[in-house]
Amino acid sequence: AWVEPCGTVVHGDIGVNSQGWRSDLALVRLADGWECHNGRWFNSRGTDVMTELLSVTKEAPRPPATFNLHHIVGPADPDAGAIVYKDGARTGCSAGRVGPFESKMFRARTADSSDMSDPTVMVARLLTLYPLSEATEPVCGTGDSGAGVFMPCYAMGGWQWAGQLVSLGLVRNQTIGLFVPSSAVLLSLREITEREWRL
């Protein structure tokens, strides 16, 4: 876990946005001496690691030679069944398949999952992220929250930001990821800051 102070939270939200999607975010104003650059984690990864993200499953088509392994080309919400990739603090690089849209219950103003008998429960829309097969390792684990979820876009020659991982779930004794699509993250940002955001 990160323990060194690096800035001040200027906006934050845990709840649901106007479309019912889970909202779980914080915007931080970095302190002097800290630097931020969108996409830096892609640049710091070697070509081998980024190639692995593309080839981690033989179900993913081989990228064309013009695909830039270190380039994010924009946001796009994934379709059910899409193969996506995440790079979490706990489990590192892994691929999974987007499941159907589902709802998950959360105790209000927290990240704790609960059930409908709790009067403080809210229903939040989330996308699910399943391992590619039951034989594979879990696609994510505790400590991966906040990880970006990406999918390759061969037509645009780079990665599309598909969303942000916010929690875990258990389905038939299998750990799955719960994530918010990129459009919902941008909507939450717009609602809490009253400004337009884009990637």
Protein backbone atom coordinates (compact mmCIF):
# COMPACT_ATOMS: atom_id res chain seq x y z
CA ALA A 1 0.00 0.00 0.00
CA TRP A 2 1.10 3.56 -0.74
CA VAL A 3 2.04 5.40 2.47
CA GLU A 4 4.07 8.44 1.37
CA PRO A 5 2.00 11.65 1.04
CA CYS A 6 2.07 12.92 -2.53
CA GLY A 7 -0.66 15.56 -2.66
CA THR A 8 -4.11 16.72 -1.61
CA VAL A 9 -7.45 15.19 -2.59
CA VAL A 10 -9.50 17.93 -4.25
CA HIS A 11 -12.46 15.82 -5.39
CA GLY A 12 -13.59 12.37 -4.36
CA ASP A 13 -16.69 10.23 -4.53
CA ILE A 14 -17.89 6.80 -3.43
CA GLY A 15 -21.44 6.06 -4.50
CA VAL A 16 -23.29 5.97 -7.81
CA ASN A 17 -23.51 8.48 -10.63
CA SER A 18 -26.67 9.72 -12.35
CA GLN A 19 -26.78 6.66 -14.62
CA GLY A 20 -26.45 4.24 -11.72
CA TRP A 21 -22.83 3.26 -12.37
CA ARG A 22 -20.49 2.76 -9.41
CA SER A 23 -18.49 5.89 -8.65
CA ASP A 24 -15.29 5.30 -6.69
CA LEU A 25 -12.62 7.89 -7.39
CA ALA A 26 -10.35 10.59 -6.03
CA LEU A 27 -8.65 13.44 -7.86
CA VAL A 28 -5.36 14.47 -6.29
CA ARG A 29 -3.48 17.75 -6.71
CA LEU A 30 0.15 16.63 -6.62
CA ALA A 31 2.50 18.32 -4.18
CA ASP A 32 5.64 20.12 -5.37
CA GLY A 33 8.30 17.67 -6.46
CA TRP A 34 5.82 15.10 -7.76
CA GLU A 35 5.21 14.68 -11.45
CA CYS A 36 2.31 13.17 -13.34
CA HIS A 37 2.18 12.14 -16.96
CA ASN A 38 -0.72 10.23 -18.48
CA GLY A 39 0.37 6.95 -19.99
CA ARG A 40 3.78 6.86 -18.30
CA TRP A 41 3.26 3.29 -17.06
CA PHE A 42 2.98 2.19 -20.68
CA ASN A 43 6.25 3.91 -21.52
CA SER A 44 8.07 2.46 -18.50
CA ARG A 45 7.10 -1.08 -19.43
CA GLY A 46 9.44 -2.89 -21.76
CA THR A 47 8.26 -4.05 -25.15
CA ASP A 48 8.26 -7.65 -23.89
CA VAL A 49 5.74 -6.84 -21.15
CA MET A 50 3.47 -4.91 -23.49
CA THR A 51 3.66 -7.68 -26.09
CA GLU A 52 2.66 -10.15 -23.37
CA LEU A 53 -0.46 -8.12 -22.70
CA LEU A 54 -1.45 -8.66 -26.31
CA SER A 55 -0.43 -12.31 -26.60
CA VAL A 56 -1.44 -13.56 -23.14
CA THR A 57 -4.25 -15.47 -24.81
CA LYS A 58 -4.22 -17.21 -28.15
CA GLU A 59 -7.85 -16.13 -28.54
CA ALA A 60 -6.70 -12.56 -29.11
CA PRO A 61 -5.80 -11.91 -32.75
CA ARG A 62 -2.18 -11.09 -33.53
CA PRO A 63 -1.69 -7.31 -33.76
CA PRO A 64 -0.58 -5.73 -37.01
CA ALA A 65 2.96 -4.38 -37.30
CA THR A 66 1.56 -0.84 -37.07
CA PHE A 67 0.22 -1.43 -33.52
CA ASN A 68 1.97 0.89 -31.03
CA LEU A 69 2.47 -1.09 -27.81
CA HIS A 70 3.00 2.11 -25.80
CA HIS A 71 0.11 4.26 -27.04
CA ILE A 72 -3.37 4.90 -25.62
CA VAL A 73 -5.65 6.00 -28.45
CA GLY A 74 -8.74 6.96 -26.42
CA PRO A 75 -11.59 5.61 -24.34
CA ALA A 76 -14.12 2.99 -25.43
CA ASP A 77 -16.59 0.93 -23.45
CA PRO A 78 -16.06 -2.79 -24.05
CA ASP A 79 -18.76 -5.11 -25.34
CA ALA A 80 -19.73 -8.26 -23.48
CA GLY A 81 -17.29 -11.01 -24.46
CA ALA A 82 -14.43 -8.62 -25.27
CA ILE A 83 -10.96 -9.68 -24.16
CA VAL A 84 -9.43 -6.93 -22.04
CA TYR A 85 -6.17 -6.52 -20.14
CA LYS A 86 -5.32 -4.96 -16.81
CA ASP A 87 -2.10 -4.26 -14.94
CA GLY A 88 -2.84 -4.38 -11.21
CA ALA A 89 -0.59 -3.60 -8.26
CA ARG A 90 -1.20 -7.07 -6.79
CA THR A 91 -1.54 -9.49 -9.71
CA GLY A 92 0.28 -7.61 -12.46
CA CYS A 93 -0.60 -8.12 -16.11
CA SER A 94 -3.55 -10.37 -16.84
CA ALA A 95 -6.30 -10.80 -19.38
CA GLY A 96 -9.95 -11.59 -18.93
CA ARG A 97 -13.27 -11.59 -20.68
CA VAL A 98 -16.00 -9.02 -20.09
CA GLY A 99 -19.19 -10.63 -18.79
CA PRO A 100 -22.74 -9.32 -19.03
CA PHE A 101 -23.89 -6.16 -17.28
CA GLU A 102 -24.79 -6.98 -13.70
CA SER A 103 -25.61 -5.20 -10.45
CA LYS A 104 -23.69 -5.43 -7.20
CA MET A 105 -24.75 -4.22 -3.78
CA PHE A 106 -22.54 -1.90 -1.73
CA ARG A 107 -23.02 -0.41 1.72
CA ALA A 108 -23.58 3.30 1.15
CA ARG A 109 -20.47 5.52 1.11
CA THR A 110 -18.11 2.53 1.46
CA ALA A 111 -16.45 -0.09 -0.68
CA ASP A 112 -17.94 -2.94 1.37
CA SER A 113 -20.22 -5.32 -0.50
CA SER A 114 -23.37 -6.30 1.31
CA ASP A 115 -26.85 -7.69 0.70
CA MET A 116 -30.30 -6.20 0.25
CA SER A 117 -31.29 -6.78 3.91
CA ASP A 118 -28.96 -3.95 4.94
CA PRO A 119 -30.92 -0.64 4.81
CA THR A 120 -27.79 1.30 3.80
CA VAL A 121 -27.24 -0.76 0.64
CA MET A 122 -27.18 0.95 -2.75
CA VAL A 123 -27.35 -0.81 -6.09
CA ALA A 124 -24.53 0.11 -8.47
CA ARG A 125 -24.11 -0.94 -12.08
CA LEU A 126 -20.79 -2.64 -12.85
CA LEU A 127 -19.19 -4.66 -15.61
CA THR A 128 -17.75 -8.05 -14.74
CA LEU A 129 -14.31 -9.35 -15.68
CA TYR A 130 -13.95 -13.12 -15.77
CA PRO A 131 -10.80 -15.24 -16.18
CA LEU A 132 -10.49 -16.59 -19.71
CA SER A 133 -11.10 -20.11 -18.42
CA GLU A 134 -11.72 -21.82 -15.09
CA ALA A 135 -8.22 -23.29 -15.28
CA THR A 136 -6.48 -19.91 -15.39
CA GLU A 137 -5.32 -17.86 -12.41
CA PRO A 138 -7.71 -15.21 -11.08
CA VAL A 139 -7.78 -12.18 -13.35
CA CYS A 140 -7.41 -9.85 -10.35
CA GLY A 141 -6.99 -9.82 -6.59
CA THR A 142 -7.11 -7.69 -3.46
CA GLY A 143 -4.88 -4.66 -4.04
CA ASP A 144 -5.71 -4.30 -7.75
CA SER A 145 -8.48 -1.73 -7.21
CA GLY A 146 -7.98 1.32 -9.37
CA ALA A 147 -6.16 -0.60 -12.10
CA GLY A 148 -6.90 0.55 -15.61
CA VAL A 149 -8.62 -1.90 -17.94
CA PHE A 150 -7.53 -1.71 -21.58
CA MET A 151 -8.29 -3.38 -24.88
CA PRO A 152 -6.37 -3.30 -28.13
CA CYS A 153 -7.82 -1.38 -31.05
CA TYR A 154 -6.05 -2.59 -34.16
CA ALA A 155 -7.86 -0.10 -36.41
CA MET A 156 -6.48 2.83 -34.37
CA GLY A 157 -3.11 1.21 -33.73
CA GLY A 158 -3.04 1.28 -29.93
CA TRP A 159 -4.81 0.64 -26.64
CA GLN A 160 -8.26 1.88 -25.73
CA TRP A 161 -9.05 2.65 -22.10
CA ALA A 162 -12.01 0.39 -21.29
CA GLY A 163 -12.51 1.34 -17.63
CA GLN A 164 -11.28 1.11 -14.03
CA LEU A 165 -11.31 -1.90 -11.72
CA VAL A 166 -13.12 -1.05 -8.46
CA SER A 167 -13.75 -4.32 -6.63
CA LEU A 168 -13.83 -8.11 -6.65
CA GLY A 169 -16.68 -10.59 -6.64
CA LEU A 170 -17.08 -14.33 -6.26
CA VAL A 171 -19.08 -16.36 -8.78
CA ARG A 172 -19.21 -20.15 -8.37
CA ASN A 173 -16.04 -20.02 -6.22
CA GLN A 174 -14.23 -18.05 -8.92
CA THR A 175 -12.84 -14.55 -8.25
CA ILE A 176 -14.00 -12.03 -10.83
CA GLY A 177 -13.23 -8.36 -11.28
CA LEU A 178 -15.86 -5.65 -11.06
CA PHE A 179 -15.13 -2.56 -13.11
CA VAL A 180 -16.68 0.66 -14.31
CA PRO A 181 -16.60 1.43 -18.06
CA SER A 182 -14.60 4.46 -19.15
CA SER A 183 -17.68 6.49 -20.14
CA ALA A 184 -19.08 6.06 -16.61
CA VAL A 185 -15.79 7.16 -15.03
CA LEU A 186 -15.79 10.29 -17.21
CA LEU A 187 -19.44 10.93 -16.30
CA SER A 188 -18.65 10.67 -12.57
CA LEU A 189 -15.74 13.07 -13.00
CA ARG A 190 -17.98 15.55 -14.82
CA GLU A 191 -20.67 15.33 -12.14
CA ILE A 192 -18.37 15.85 -9.15
CA THR A 193 -16.17 18.55 -10.71
CA GLU A 194 -18.72 20.24 -13.01
CA ARG A 195 -16.14 20.13 -15.81
CA GLU A 196 -15.78 18.11 -18.99
CA TRP A 197 -13.10 15.39 -19.00
CA ARG A 198 -11.61 13.48 -21.92
CA LEU A 199 -8.73 11.19 -22.69
